[in-house]
């Protein structure tokens, strides 16, 4: 079942990833390069050098899920670097859809204090 939602945390691997890597290779990158646990429930986003291939690695109850998208034309735009490698759900959706926001204003919204 596809279960990527806005409630998850998304982390972009800022390096270039070899797209021949599968579950074990990507888990190794998560642990060694990002310093995170692959089974944390976070979604890890990987791009190749040309930014034409995208992989998402996510741990769900019972095992890993790997989402893979290859573009036949164009490239994935990189999100603006706001907080290191963390990215929001909306930034991921814009990146996958190929939408690059040139100028935008984000309105303040209520959020619970930490």
PDB file of N, CA and C in Angstrom:
ATOM      1  N   UNK A   1       0.835  -1.171   0.000  1.00  0.00           N
ATOM      2  CA  UNK A   1       0.000   0.000   0.000  1.00  0.00           C
ATOM      3  C   UNK A   1       0.886   1.243   0.000  1.00  0.00           C
ATOM      4  N   UNK A   2       0.595   2.203  -0.817  1.00  0.00           N
ATOM      5  CA  UNK A   2       1.358   3.447  -0.836  1.00  0.00           C
ATOM      6  C   UNK A   2       0.975   4.277   0.380  1.00  0.00           C
ATOM      7  N   UNK A   3       1.970   4.644   1.167  1.00  0.00           N
ATOM      8  CA  UNK A   3       1.644   5.348   2.399  1.00  0.00           C
ATOM      9  C   UNK A   3       2.535   6.556   2.655  1.00  0.00           C
ATOM     10  N   UNK A   4       2.913   7.267   1.638  1.00  0.00           N
ATOM     11  CA  UNK A   4       3.685   8.482   1.834  1.00  0.00           C
ATOM     12  C   UNK A   4       2.708   9.634   2.048  1.00  0.00           C
ATOM     13  N   UNK A   5       2.868  10.319   3.165  1.00  0.00           N
ATOM     14  CA  UNK A   5       1.969  11.416   3.508  1.00  0.00           C
ATOM     15  C   UNK A   5       2.760  12.600   4.020  1.00  0.00           C
ATOM     16  N   UNK A   6       2.071  13.681   4.296  1.00  0.00           N
ATOM     17  CA  UNK A   6       2.726  14.889   4.813  1.00  0.00           C
ATOM     18  C   UNK A   6       3.156  14.725   6.265  1.00  0.00           C
ATOM     19  N   UNK A   7       2.717  13.677   6.947  1.00  0.00           N
ATOM     20  CA  UNK A   7       3.097  13.479   8.344  1.00  0.00           C
ATOM     21  C   UNK A   7       4.490  12.868   8.497  1.00  0.00           C
ATOM     22  N   UNK A   8       5.074  12.403   7.412  1.00  0.00           N
ATOM     23  CA  UNK A   8       6.402  11.805   7.458  1.00  0.00           C
ATOM     24  C   UNK A   8       7.484  12.860   7.303  1.00  0.00           C
ATOM     25  N   UNK A   9       8.687  12.494   7.700  1.00  0.00           N
ATOM     26  CA  UNK A   9       9.840  13.378   7.533  1.00  0.00           C
ATOM     27  C   UNK A   9      10.633  12.910   6.320  1.00  0.00           C
ATOM     28  N   UNK A  10      11.017  13.864   5.459  1.00  0.00           N
ATOM     29  CA  UNK A  10      11.716  13.562   4.217  1.00  0.00           C
ATOM     30  C   UNK A  10      13.119  14.149   4.269  1.00  0.00           C
ATOM     31  N   UNK A  11      14.108  13.328   3.931  1.00  0.00           N
ATOM     32  CA  UNK A  11      15.502  13.760   3.953  1.00  0.00           C
ATOM     33  C   UNK A  11      16.120  13.518   2.584  1.00  0.00           C
ATOM     34  N   UNK A  12      16.692  14.568   2.022  1.00  0.00           N
ATOM     35  CA  UNK A  12      17.322  14.501   0.707  1.00  0.00           C
ATOM     36  C   UNK A  12      18.808  14.231   0.872  1.00  0.00           C
ATOM     37  N   UNK A  13      19.285  13.199   0.194  1.00  0.00           N
ATOM     38  CA  UNK A  13      20.715  12.916   0.142  1.00  0.00           C
ATOM     39  C   UNK A  13      21.321  13.902  -0.844  1.00  0.00           C
ATOM     40  N   UNK A  14      22.183  14.808  -0.369  1.00  0.00           N
ATOM     41  CA  UNK A  14      22.706  15.894  -1.201  1.00  0.00           C
ATOM     42  C   UNK A  14      23.780  15.461  -2.187  1.00  0.00           C
ATOM     43  N   UNK A  15      24.320  14.278  -2.026  1.00  0.00           N
ATOM     44  CA  UNK A  15      25.309  13.783  -2.983  1.00  0.00           C
ATOM     45  C   UNK A  15      24.627  13.159  -4.189  1.00  0.00           C
ATOM     46  N   UNK A  16      25.441  12.607  -5.080  1.00  0.00           N
ATOM     47  CA  UNK A  16      24.914  11.906  -6.246  1.00  0.00           C
ATOM     48  C   UNK A  16      24.892  10.420  -5.933  1.00  0.00           C
ATOM     49  N   UNK A  17      23.790   9.776  -6.244  1.00  0.00           N
ATOM     50  CA  UNK A  17      23.615   8.365  -5.909  1.00  0.00           C
ATOM     51  C   UNK A  17      23.694   7.506  -7.170  1.00  0.00           C
ATOM     52  N   UNK A  18      24.368   6.390  -7.053  1.00  0.00           N
ATOM     53  CA  UNK A  18      24.406   5.402  -8.118  1.00  0.00           C
ATOM     54  C   UNK A  18      23.064   4.673  -8.102  1.00  0.00           C
ATOM     55  N   UNK A  19      22.303   4.787  -9.151  1.00  0.00           N
ATOM     56  CA  UNK A  19      20.950   4.224  -9.170  1.00  0.00           C
ATOM     57  C   UNK A  19      20.924   2.707  -9.305  1.00  0.00           C
ATOM     58  N   UNK A  20      22.090   2.078  -9.392  1.00  0.00           N
ATOM     59  CA  UNK A  20      22.124   0.611  -9.369  1.00  0.00           C
ATOM     60  C   UNK A  20      21.967   0.095  -7.948  1.00  0.00           C
ATOM     61  N   UNK A  21      22.118   0.988  -6.969  1.00  0.00           N
ATOM     62  CA  UNK A  21      21.959   0.583  -5.565  1.00  0.00           C
ATOM     63  C   UNK A  21      20.503   0.234  -5.296  1.00  0.00           C
ATOM     64  N   UNK A  22      20.331  -0.788  -4.502  1.00  0.00           N
ATOM     65  CA  UNK A  22      18.988  -1.169  -4.106  1.00  0.00           C
ATOM     66  C   UNK A  22      18.855  -1.001  -2.596  1.00  0.00           C
ATOM     67  N   UNK A  23      18.065  -1.821  -1.955  1.00  0.00           N
ATOM     68  CA  UNK A  23      17.765  -1.651  -0.541  1.00  0.00           C
ATOM     69  C   UNK A  23      19.012  -1.590   0.326  1.00  0.00           C
ATOM     70  N   UNK A  24      19.887  -2.578   0.219  1.00  0.00           N
ATOM     71  CA  UNK A  24      21.055  -2.648   1.092  1.00  0.00           C
ATOM     72  C   UNK A  24      22.039  -1.515   0.831  1.00  0.00           C
ATOM     73  N   UNK A  25      22.291  -1.193  -0.431  1.00  0.00           N
ATOM     74  CA  UNK A  25      23.210  -0.109  -0.761  1.00  0.00           C
ATOM     75  C   UNK A  25      22.701   1.238  -0.292  1.00  0.00           C
ATOM     76  N   UNK A  26      21.410   1.491  -0.457  1.00  0.00           N
ATOM     77  CA  UNK A  26      20.828   2.758  -0.004  1.00  0.00           C
ATOM     78  C   UNK A  26      20.799   2.836   1.520  1.00  0.00           C
ATOM     79  N   UNK A  27      20.554   1.708   2.180  1.00  0.00           N
ATOM     80  CA  UNK A  27      20.607   1.689   3.647  1.00  0.00           C
ATOM     81  C   UNK A  27      22.013   2.020   4.138  1.00  0.00           C
ATOM     82  N   UNK A  28      23.018   1.536   3.419  1.00  0.00           N
ATOM     83  CA  UNK A  28      24.397   1.869   3.762  1.00  0.00           C
ATOM     84  C   UNK A  28      24.665   3.356   3.639  1.00  0.00           C
ATOM     85  N   UNK A  29      24.150   3.996   2.589  1.00  0.00           N
ATOM     86  CA  UNK A  29      24.309   5.446   2.437  1.00  0.00           C
ATOM     87  C   UNK A  29      23.599   6.206   3.556  1.00  0.00           C
ATOM     88  N   UNK A  30      22.429   5.747   3.910  1.00  0.00           N
ATOM     89  CA  UNK A  30      21.670   6.406   4.976  1.00  0.00           C
ATOM     90  C   UNK A  30      22.453   6.370   6.281  1.00  0.00           C
ATOM     91  N   UNK A  31      23.001   5.208   6.603  1.00  0.00           N
ATOM     92  CA  UNK A  31      23.747   5.070   7.856  1.00  0.00           C
ATOM     93  C   UNK A  31      25.073   5.801   7.850  1.00  0.00           C
ATOM     94  N   UNK A  32      25.843   5.671   6.770  1.00  0.00           N
ATOM     95  CA  UNK A  32      27.197   6.239   6.756  1.00  0.00           C
ATOM     96  C   UNK A  32      27.225   7.719   6.383  1.00  0.00           C
ATOM     97  N   UNK A  33      26.435   8.148   5.416  1.00  0.00           N
ATOM     98  CA  UNK A  33      26.499   9.526   4.924  1.00  0.00           C
ATOM     99  C   UNK A  33      25.536  10.467   5.655  1.00  0.00           C
ATOM    100  N   UNK A  34      24.333   9.978   5.943  1.00  0.00           N
ATOM    101  CA  UNK A  34      23.344  10.838   6.598  1.00  0.00           C
ATOM    102  C   UNK A  34      23.340  10.669   8.116  1.00  0.00           C
ATOM    103  N   UNK A  35      23.969   9.612   8.609  1.00  0.00           N
ATOM    104  CA  UNK A  35      24.019   9.388  10.050  1.00  0.00           C
ATOM    105  C   UNK A  35      22.657   9.078  10.658  1.00  0.00           C
ATOM    106  N   UNK A  36      21.793   8.445   9.902  1.00  0.00           N
ATOM    107  CA  UNK A  36      20.433   8.114  10.346  1.00  0.00           C
ATOM    108  C   UNK A  36      20.248   6.605  10.327  1.00  0.00           C
ATOM    109  N   UNK A  37      19.216   6.172  11.013  1.00  0.00           N
ATOM    110  CA  UNK A  37      18.851   4.766  10.975  1.00  0.00           C
ATOM    111  C   UNK A  37      17.860   4.552   9.838  1.00  0.00           C
ATOM    112  N   UNK A  38      18.122   3.614   8.937  1.00  0.00           N
ATOM    113  CA  UNK A  38      17.199   3.378   7.822  1.00  0.00           C
ATOM    114  C   UNK A  38      15.814   2.926   8.269  1.00  0.00           C
ATOM    115  N   UNK A  39      15.720   2.345   9.465  1.00  0.00           N
ATOM    116  CA  UNK A  39      14.437   1.858   9.962  1.00  0.00           C
ATOM    117  C   UNK A  39      13.722   2.870  10.848  1.00  0.00           C
ATOM    118  N   UNK A  40      14.094   4.135  10.756  1.00  0.00           N
ATOM    119  CA  UNK A  40      13.499   5.175  11.603  1.00  0.00           C
ATOM    120  C   UNK A  40      12.099   5.578  11.163  1.00  0.00           C
ATOM    121  N   UNK A  41      11.696   5.200   9.960  1.00  0.00           N
ATOM    122  CA  UNK A  41      10.389   5.610   9.456  1.00  0.00           C
ATOM    123  C   UNK A  41      10.453   6.868   8.609  1.00  0.00           C
ATOM    124  N   UNK A  42      11.628   7.493   8.536  1.00  0.00           N
ATOM    125  CA  UNK A  42      11.810   8.655   7.671  1.00  0.00           C
ATOM    126  C   UNK A  42      11.901   8.192   6.224  1.00  0.00           C
ATOM    127  N   UNK A  43      11.645   9.093   5.304  1.00  0.00           N
ATOM    128  CA  UNK A  43      11.739   8.776   3.872  1.00  0.00           C
ATOM    129  C   UNK A  43      13.014   9.437   3.358  1.00  0.00           C
ATOM    130  N   UNK A  44      13.868   8.655   2.721  1.00  0.00           N
ATOM    131  CA  UNK A  44      15.144   9.137   2.215  1.00  0.00           C
ATOM    132  C   UNK A  44      15.061   9.267   0.700  1.00  0.00           C
ATOM    133  N   UNK A  45      15.451  10.433   0.198  1.00  0.00           N
ATOM    134  CA  UNK A  45      15.308  10.786  -1.219  1.00  0.00           C
ATOM    135  C   UNK A  45      16.693  10.798  -1.857  1.00  0.00           C
ATOM    136  N   UNK A  46      16.839  10.088  -2.969  1.00  0.00           N
ATOM    137  CA  UNK A  46      18.116   9.990  -3.677  1.00  0.00           C
ATOM    138  C   UNK A  46      17.927  10.377  -5.136  1.00  0.00           C
ATOM    139  N   UNK A  47      18.906  11.127  -5.671  1.00  0.00           N
ATOM    140  CA  UNK A  47      18.911  11.514  -7.085  1.00  0.00           C
ATOM    141  C   UNK A  47      20.234  11.092  -7.711  1.00  0.00           C
ATOM    142  N   UNK A  48      20.209  10.806  -9.009  1.00  0.00           N
ATOM    143  CA  UNK A  48      21.455  10.519  -9.707  1.00  0.00           C
ATOM    144  C   UNK A  48      22.122  11.832 -10.135  1.00  0.00           C
ATOM    145  N   UNK A  49      23.307  11.737 -10.720  1.00  0.00           N
ATOM    146  CA  UNK A  49      24.082  12.922 -11.084  1.00  0.00           C
ATOM    147  C   UNK A  49      23.343  13.828 -12.069  1.00  0.00           C
ATOM    148  N   UNK A  50      22.666  13.242 -13.046  1.00  0.00           N
ATOM    149  CA  UNK A  50      21.941  14.037 -14.054  1.00  0.00           C
ATOM    150  C   UNK A  50      20.575  14.507 -13.568  1.00  0.00           C
ATOM    151  N   UNK A  51      20.150  14.030 -12.393  1.00  0.00           N
ATOM    152  CA  UNK A  51      18.838  14.342 -11.799  1.00  0.00           C
ATOM    153  C   UNK A  51      17.686  13.885 -12.699  1.00  0.00           C
ATOM    154  N   UNK A  52      17.868  12.745 -13.353  1.00  0.00           N
ATOM    155  CA  UNK A  52      16.812  12.175 -14.180  1.00  0.00           C
ATOM    156  C   UNK A  52      16.171  10.950 -13.519  1.00  0.00           C
ATOM    157  N   UNK A  53      16.782  10.463 -12.450  1.00  0.00           N
ATOM    158  CA  UNK A  53      16.271   9.295 -11.733  1.00  0.00           C
ATOM    159  C   UNK A  53      16.113   9.672 -10.263  1.00  0.00           C
ATOM    160  N   UNK A  54      15.044   9.193  -9.654  1.00  0.00           N
ATOM    161  CA  UNK A  54      14.753   9.490  -8.259  1.00  0.00           C
ATOM    162  C   UNK A  54      14.352   8.204  -7.558  1.00  0.00           C
ATOM    163  N   UNK A  55      14.896   7.986  -6.358  1.00  0.00           N
ATOM    164  CA  UNK A  55      14.500   6.847  -5.533  1.00  0.00           C
ATOM    165  C   UNK A  55      14.135   7.356  -4.144  1.00  0.00           C
ATOM    166  N   UNK A  56      13.092   6.767  -3.586  1.00  0.00           N
ATOM    167  CA  UNK A  56      12.664   7.049  -2.217  1.00  0.00           C
ATOM    168  C   UNK A  56      12.746   5.746  -1.433  1.00  0.00           C
ATOM    169  N   UNK A  57      13.444   5.769  -0.318  1.00  0.00           N
ATOM    170  CA  UNK A  57      13.568   4.593   0.543  1.00  0.00           C
ATOM    171  C   UNK A  57      12.799   4.863   1.826  1.00  0.00           C
ATOM    172  N   UNK A  58      11.891   3.944   2.169  1.00  0.00           N
ATOM    173  CA  UNK A  58      11.043   4.141   3.341  1.00  0.00           C
ATOM    174  C   UNK A  58      10.855   2.814   4.059  1.00  0.00           C
ATOM    175  N   UNK A  59      10.976   2.853   5.395  1.00  0.00           N
ATOM    176  CA  UNK A  59      10.711   1.681   6.212  1.00  0.00           C
ATOM    177  C   UNK A  59       9.265   1.725   6.667  1.00  0.00           C
ATOM    178  N   UNK A  60       8.512   0.695   6.333  1.00  0.00           N
ATOM    179  CA  UNK A  60       7.150   0.535   6.820  1.00  0.00           C
ATOM    180  C   UNK A  60       7.121  -0.684   7.724  1.00  0.00           C
ATOM    181  N   UNK A  61       6.030  -0.870   8.402  1.00  0.00           N
ATOM    182  CA  UNK A  61       5.895  -2.028   9.277  1.00  0.00           C
ATOM    183  C   UNK A  61       6.131  -3.306   8.467  1.00  0.00           C
ATOM    184  N   UNK A  62       7.178  -4.015   8.816  1.00  0.00           N
ATOM    185  CA  UNK A  62       7.440  -5.286   8.155  1.00  0.00           C
ATOM    186  C   UNK A  62       8.511  -5.263   7.091  1.00  0.00           C
ATOM    187  N   UNK A  63       8.934  -4.089   6.604  1.00  0.00           N
ATOM    188  CA  UNK A  63       9.982  -4.090   5.594  1.00  0.00           C
ATOM    189  C   UNK A  63      10.157  -2.766   4.885  1.00  0.00           C
ATOM    190  N   UNK A  64      11.136  -2.752   3.996  1.00  0.00           N
ATOM    191  CA  UNK A  64      11.457  -1.550   3.239  1.00  0.00           C
ATOM    192  C   UNK A  64      10.595  -1.451   1.986  1.00  0.00           C
ATOM    193  N   UNK A  65      10.324  -0.208   1.599  1.00  0.00           N
ATOM    194  CA  UNK A  65       9.635   0.087   0.350  1.00  0.00           C
ATOM    195  C   UNK A  65      10.552   1.003  -0.447  1.00  0.00           C
ATOM    196  N   UNK A  66      10.695   0.730  -1.737  1.00  0.00           N
ATOM    197  CA  UNK A  66      11.537   1.541  -2.605  1.00  0.00           C
ATOM    198  C   UNK A  66      10.681   2.069  -3.749  1.00  0.00           C
ATOM    199  N   UNK A  67      10.570   3.387  -3.844  1.00  0.00           N
ATOM    200  CA  UNK A  67       9.848   4.040  -4.937  1.00  0.00           C
ATOM    201  C   UNK A  67      10.899   4.536  -5.920  1.00  0.00           C
ATOM    202  N   UNK A  68      10.647   4.363  -7.207  1.00  0.00           N
ATOM    203  CA  UNK A  68      11.638   4.711  -8.221  1.00  0.00           C
ATOM    204  C   UNK A  68      10.934   5.389  -9.383  1.00  0.00           C
ATOM    205  N   UNK A  69      11.455   6.541  -9.802  1.00  0.00           N
ATOM    206  CA  UNK A  69      10.897   7.235 -10.959  1.00  0.00           C
ATOM    207  C   UNK A  69      12.038   7.639 -11.879  1.00  0.00           C
ATOM    208  N   UNK A  70      11.874   7.347 -13.165  1.00  0.00           N
ATOM    209  CA  UNK A  70      12.861   7.715 -14.174  1.00  0.00           C
ATOM    210  C   UNK A  70      12.183   8.629 -15.177  1.00  0.00           C
ATOM    211  N   UNK A  71      12.773   9.791 -15.411  1.00  0.00           N
ATOM    212  CA  UNK A  71      12.229  10.733 -16.376  1.00  0.00           C
ATOM    213  C   UNK A  71      12.740  10.406 -17.767  1.00  0.00           C
ATOM    214  N   UNK A  72      11.869  10.461 -18.736  1.00  0.00           N
ATOM    215  CA  UNK A  72      12.274  10.276 -20.123  1.00  0.00           C
ATOM    216  C   UNK A  72      12.763  11.583 -20.730  1.00  0.00           C
ATOM    217  N   UNK A  73      12.344  12.700 -20.143  1.00  0.00           N
ATOM    218  CA  UNK A  73      12.761  14.016 -20.639  1.00  0.00           C
ATOM    219  C   UNK A  73      12.778  14.976 -19.455  1.00  0.00           C
ATOM    220  N   UNK A  74      13.757  15.871 -19.419  1.00  0.00           N
ATOM    221  CA  UNK A  74      13.841  16.857 -18.352  1.00  0.00           C
ATOM    222  C   UNK A  74      14.591  16.337 -17.134  1.00  0.00           C
ATOM    223  N   UNK A  75      14.618  17.152 -16.083  1.00  0.00           N
ATOM    224  CA  UNK A  75      15.308  16.803 -14.846  1.00  0.00           C
ATOM    225  C   UNK A  75      14.434  17.161 -13.648  1.00  0.00           C
ATOM    226  N   UNK A  76      14.757  16.571 -12.507  1.00  0.00           N
ATOM    227  CA  UNK A  76      14.091  16.917 -11.260  1.00  0.00           C
ATOM    228  C   UNK A  76      14.726  18.194 -10.720  1.00  0.00           C
ATOM    229  N   UNK A  77      13.933  19.217 -10.390  1.00  0.00           N
ATOM    230  CA  UNK A  77      14.517  20.426  -9.795  1.00  0.00           C
ATOM    231  C   UNK A  77      14.886  20.169  -8.336  1.00  0.00           C
ATOM    232  N   UNK A  78      15.992  20.734  -7.908  1.00  0.00           N
ATOM    233  CA  UNK A  78      16.376  20.603  -6.508  1.00  0.00           C
ATOM    234  C   UNK A  78      15.602  21.613  -5.669  1.00  0.00           C
ATOM    235  N   UNK A  79      15.132  21.195  -4.492  1.00  0.00           N
ATOM    236  CA  UNK A  79      14.449  22.166  -3.628  1.00  0.00           C
ATOM    237  C   UNK A  79      15.454  23.144  -3.038  1.00  0.00           C
ATOM    238  N   UNK A  80      14.963  24.296  -2.640  1.00  0.00           N
ATOM    239  CA  UNK A  80      15.824  25.288  -1.997  1.00  0.00           C
ATOM    240  C   UNK A  80      16.345  24.713  -0.688  1.00  0.00           C
ATOM    241  N   UNK A  81      17.609  24.954  -0.393  1.00  0.00           N
ATOM    242  CA  UNK A  81      18.220  24.439   0.834  1.00  0.00           C
ATOM    243  C   UNK A  81      17.720  25.249   2.024  1.00  0.00           C
ATOM    244  N   UNK A  82      16.729  24.704   2.731  1.00  0.00           N
ATOM    245  CA  UNK A  82      16.167  25.423   3.862  1.00  0.00           C
ATOM    246  C   UNK A  82      16.713  24.918   5.185  1.00  0.00           C
ATOM    247  N   UNK A  83      16.862  23.626   5.333  1.00  0.00           N
ATOM    248  CA  UNK A  83      17.335  23.092   6.604  1.00  0.00           C
ATOM    249  C   UNK A  83      18.227  21.888   6.421  1.00  0.00           C
ATOM    250  N   UNK A  84      19.362  22.061   5.777  1.00  0.00           N
ATOM    251  CA  UNK A  84      20.251  20.938   5.520  1.00  0.00           C
ATOM    252  C   UNK A  84      19.654  20.017   4.481  1.00  0.00           C
ATOM    253  N   UNK A  85      19.416  18.772   4.862  1.00  0.00           N
ATOM    254  CA  UNK A  85      18.871  17.818   3.919  1.00  0.00           C
ATOM    255  C   UNK A  85      17.374  17.589   4.105  1.00  0.00           C
ATOM    256  N   UNK A  86      16.780  18.193   5.137  1.00  0.00           N
ATOM    257  CA  UNK A  86      15.346  18.006   5.382  1.00  0.00           C
ATOM    258  C   UNK A  86      14.537  18.746   4.325  1.00  0.00           C
ATOM    259  N   UNK A  87      13.452  18.117   3.907  1.00  0.00           N
ATOM    260  CA  UNK A  87      12.558  18.744   2.958  1.00  0.00           C
ATOM    261  C   UNK A  87      11.123  18.425   3.357  1.00  0.00           C
ATOM    262  N   UNK A  88      10.205  19.238   2.919  1.00  0.00           N
ATOM    263  CA  UNK A  88       8.805  19.041   3.275  1.00  0.00           C
ATOM    264  C   UNK A  88       8.104  18.179   2.222  1.00  0.00           C
ATOM    265  N   UNK A  89       6.914  17.731   2.576  1.00  0.00           N
ATOM    266  CA  UNK A  89       6.082  16.953   1.660  1.00  0.00           C
ATOM    267  C   UNK A  89       5.780  17.760   0.410  1.00  0.00           C
ATOM    268  N   UNK A  90       5.458  19.037   0.589  1.00  0.00           N
ATOM    269  CA  UNK A  90       5.127  19.867  -0.569  1.00  0.00           C
ATOM    270  C   UNK A  90       6.335  20.058  -1.481  1.00  0.00           C
ATOM    271  N   UNK A  91       7.533  20.187  -0.922  1.00  0.00           N
ATOM    272  CA  UNK A  91       8.740  20.298  -1.747  1.00  0.00           C
ATOM    273  C   UNK A  91       8.979  19.010  -2.543  1.00  0.00           C
ATOM    274  N   UNK A  92       8.710  17.865  -1.923  1.00  0.00           N
ATOM    275  CA  UNK A  92       8.876  16.595  -2.627  1.00  0.00           C
ATOM    276  C   UNK A  92       7.877  16.479  -3.776  1.00  0.00           C
ATOM    277  N   UNK A  93       6.627  16.845  -3.521  1.00  0.00           N
ATOM    278  CA  UNK A  93       5.608  16.755  -4.570  1.00  0.00           C
ATOM    279  C   UNK A  93       5.957  17.683  -5.727  1.00  0.00           C
ATOM    280  N   UNK A  94       6.390  18.899  -5.433  1.00  0.00           N
ATOM    281  CA  UNK A  94       6.786  19.833  -6.488  1.00  0.00           C
ATOM    282  C   UNK A  94       7.964  19.284  -7.284  1.00  0.00           C
ATOM    283  N   UNK A  95       8.923  18.673  -6.585  1.00  0.00           N
ATOM    284  CA  UNK A  95      10.095  18.119  -7.263  1.00  0.00           C
ATOM    285  C   UNK A  95       9.695  16.970  -8.183  1.00  0.00           C
ATOM    286  N   UNK A  96       8.850  16.072  -7.715  1.00  0.00           N
ATOM    287  CA  UNK A  96       8.430  14.928  -8.523  1.00  0.00           C
ATOM    288  C   UNK A  96       7.601  15.379  -9.722  1.00  0.00           C
ATOM    289  N   UNK A  97       6.782  16.402  -9.539  1.00  0.00           N
ATOM    290  CA  UNK A  97       5.945  16.902 -10.629  1.00  0.00           C
ATOM    291  C   UNK A  97       6.704  17.827 -11.587  1.00  0.00           C
ATOM    292  N   UNK A  98       7.930  18.209 -11.226  1.00  0.00           N
ATOM    293  CA  UNK A  98       8.742  19.042 -12.103  1.00  0.00           C
ATOM    294  C   UNK A  98       8.392  20.514 -12.039  1.00  0.00           C
ATOM    295  N   UNK A  99       7.843  20.941 -10.920  1.00  0.00           N
ATOM    296  CA  UNK A  99       7.452  22.339 -10.759  1.00  0.00           C
ATOM    297  C   UNK A  99       8.520  23.070  -9.959  1.00  0.00           C
ATOM    298  N   UNK A 100       9.016  24.153 -10.512  1.00  0.00           N
ATOM    299  CA  UNK A 100      10.005  24.963  -9.828  1.00  0.00           C
ATOM    300  C   UNK A 100       9.370  26.304  -9.481  1.00  0.00           C
ATOM    301  N   UNK A 101       9.298  26.604  -8.196  1.00  0.00           N
ATOM    302  CA  UNK A 101       8.691  27.844  -7.732  1.00  0.00           C
ATOM    303  C   UNK A 101       9.767  28.922  -7.749  1.00  0.00           C
ATOM    304  N   UNK A 102       9.533  29.955  -8.533  1.00  0.00           N
ATOM    305  CA  UNK A 102      10.502  31.037  -8.637  1.00  0.00           C
ATOM    306  C   UNK A 102      10.347  31.998  -7.469  1.00  0.00           C
ATOM    307  N   UNK A 103       9.120  32.383  -7.175  1.00  0.00           N
ATOM    308  CA  UNK A 103       8.867  33.284  -6.056  1.00  0.00           C
ATOM    309  C   UNK A 103       7.565  32.872  -5.393  1.00  0.00           C
ATOM    310  N   UNK A 104       7.601  32.772  -4.085  1.00  0.00           N
ATOM    311  CA  UNK A 104       6.387  32.424  -3.353  1.00  0.00           C
ATOM    312  C   UNK A 104       6.446  33.038  -1.961  1.00  0.00           C
ATOM    313  N   UNK A 105       5.300  33.207  -1.386  1.00  0.00           N
ATOM    314  CA  UNK A 105       5.178  33.682  -0.015  1.00  0.00           C
ATOM    315  C   UNK A 105       4.409  32.650   0.776  1.00  0.00           C
ATOM    316  N   UNK A 106       4.997  32.203   1.866  1.00  0.00           N
ATOM    317  CA  UNK A 106       4.324  31.222   2.723  1.00  0.00           C
ATOM    318  C   UNK A 106       3.653  31.974   3.857  1.00  0.00           C
ATOM    319  N   UNK A 107       2.355  31.816   3.973  1.00  0.00           N
ATOM    320  CA  UNK A 107       1.579  32.445   5.031  1.00  0.00           C
ATOM    321  C   UNK A 107       1.781  31.690   6.334  1.00  0.00           C
ATOM    322  N   UNK A 108       1.773  32.425   7.424  1.00  0.00           N
ATOM    323  CA  UNK A 108       1.920  31.798   8.729  1.00  0.00           C
ATOM    324  C   UNK A 108       0.691  30.958   9.036  1.00  0.00           C
ATOM    325  N   UNK A 109       0.913  29.827   9.645  1.00  0.00           N
ATOM    326  CA  UNK A 109      -0.149  28.932  10.071  1.00  0.00           C
ATOM    327  C   UNK A 109       0.071  28.569  11.522  1.00  0.00           C
ATOM    328  N   UNK A 110      -1.009  28.250  12.195  1.00  0.00           N
ATOM    329  CA  UNK A 110      -0.928  27.846  13.586  1.00  0.00           C
ATOM    330  C   UNK A 110      -0.236  26.493  13.686  1.00  0.00           C
ATOM    331  N   UNK A 111       0.629  26.363  14.668  1.00  0.00           N
ATOM    332  CA  UNK A 111       1.232  25.061  14.975  1.00  0.00           C
ATOM    333  C   UNK A 111       1.392  24.953  16.479  1.00  0.00           C
ATOM    334  N   UNK A 112       1.279  23.765  16.968  1.00  0.00           N
ATOM    335  CA  UNK A 112       1.426  23.534  18.397  1.00  0.00           C
ATOM    336  C   UNK A 112       2.863  23.787  18.814  1.00  0.00           C
ATOM    337  N   UNK A 113       3.065  24.354  20.002  1.00  0.00           N
ATOM    338  CA  UNK A 113       4.439  24.563  20.483  1.00  0.00           C
ATOM    339  C   UNK A 113       5.106  23.227  20.751  1.00  0.00           C
ATOM    340  N   UNK A 114       6.434  23.153  20.574  1.00  0.00           N
ATOM    341  CA  UNK A 114       7.146  21.871  20.769  1.00  0.00           C
ATOM    342  C   UNK A 114       7.172  21.398  22.203  1.00  0.00           C
TER     343      UNK A 114
END
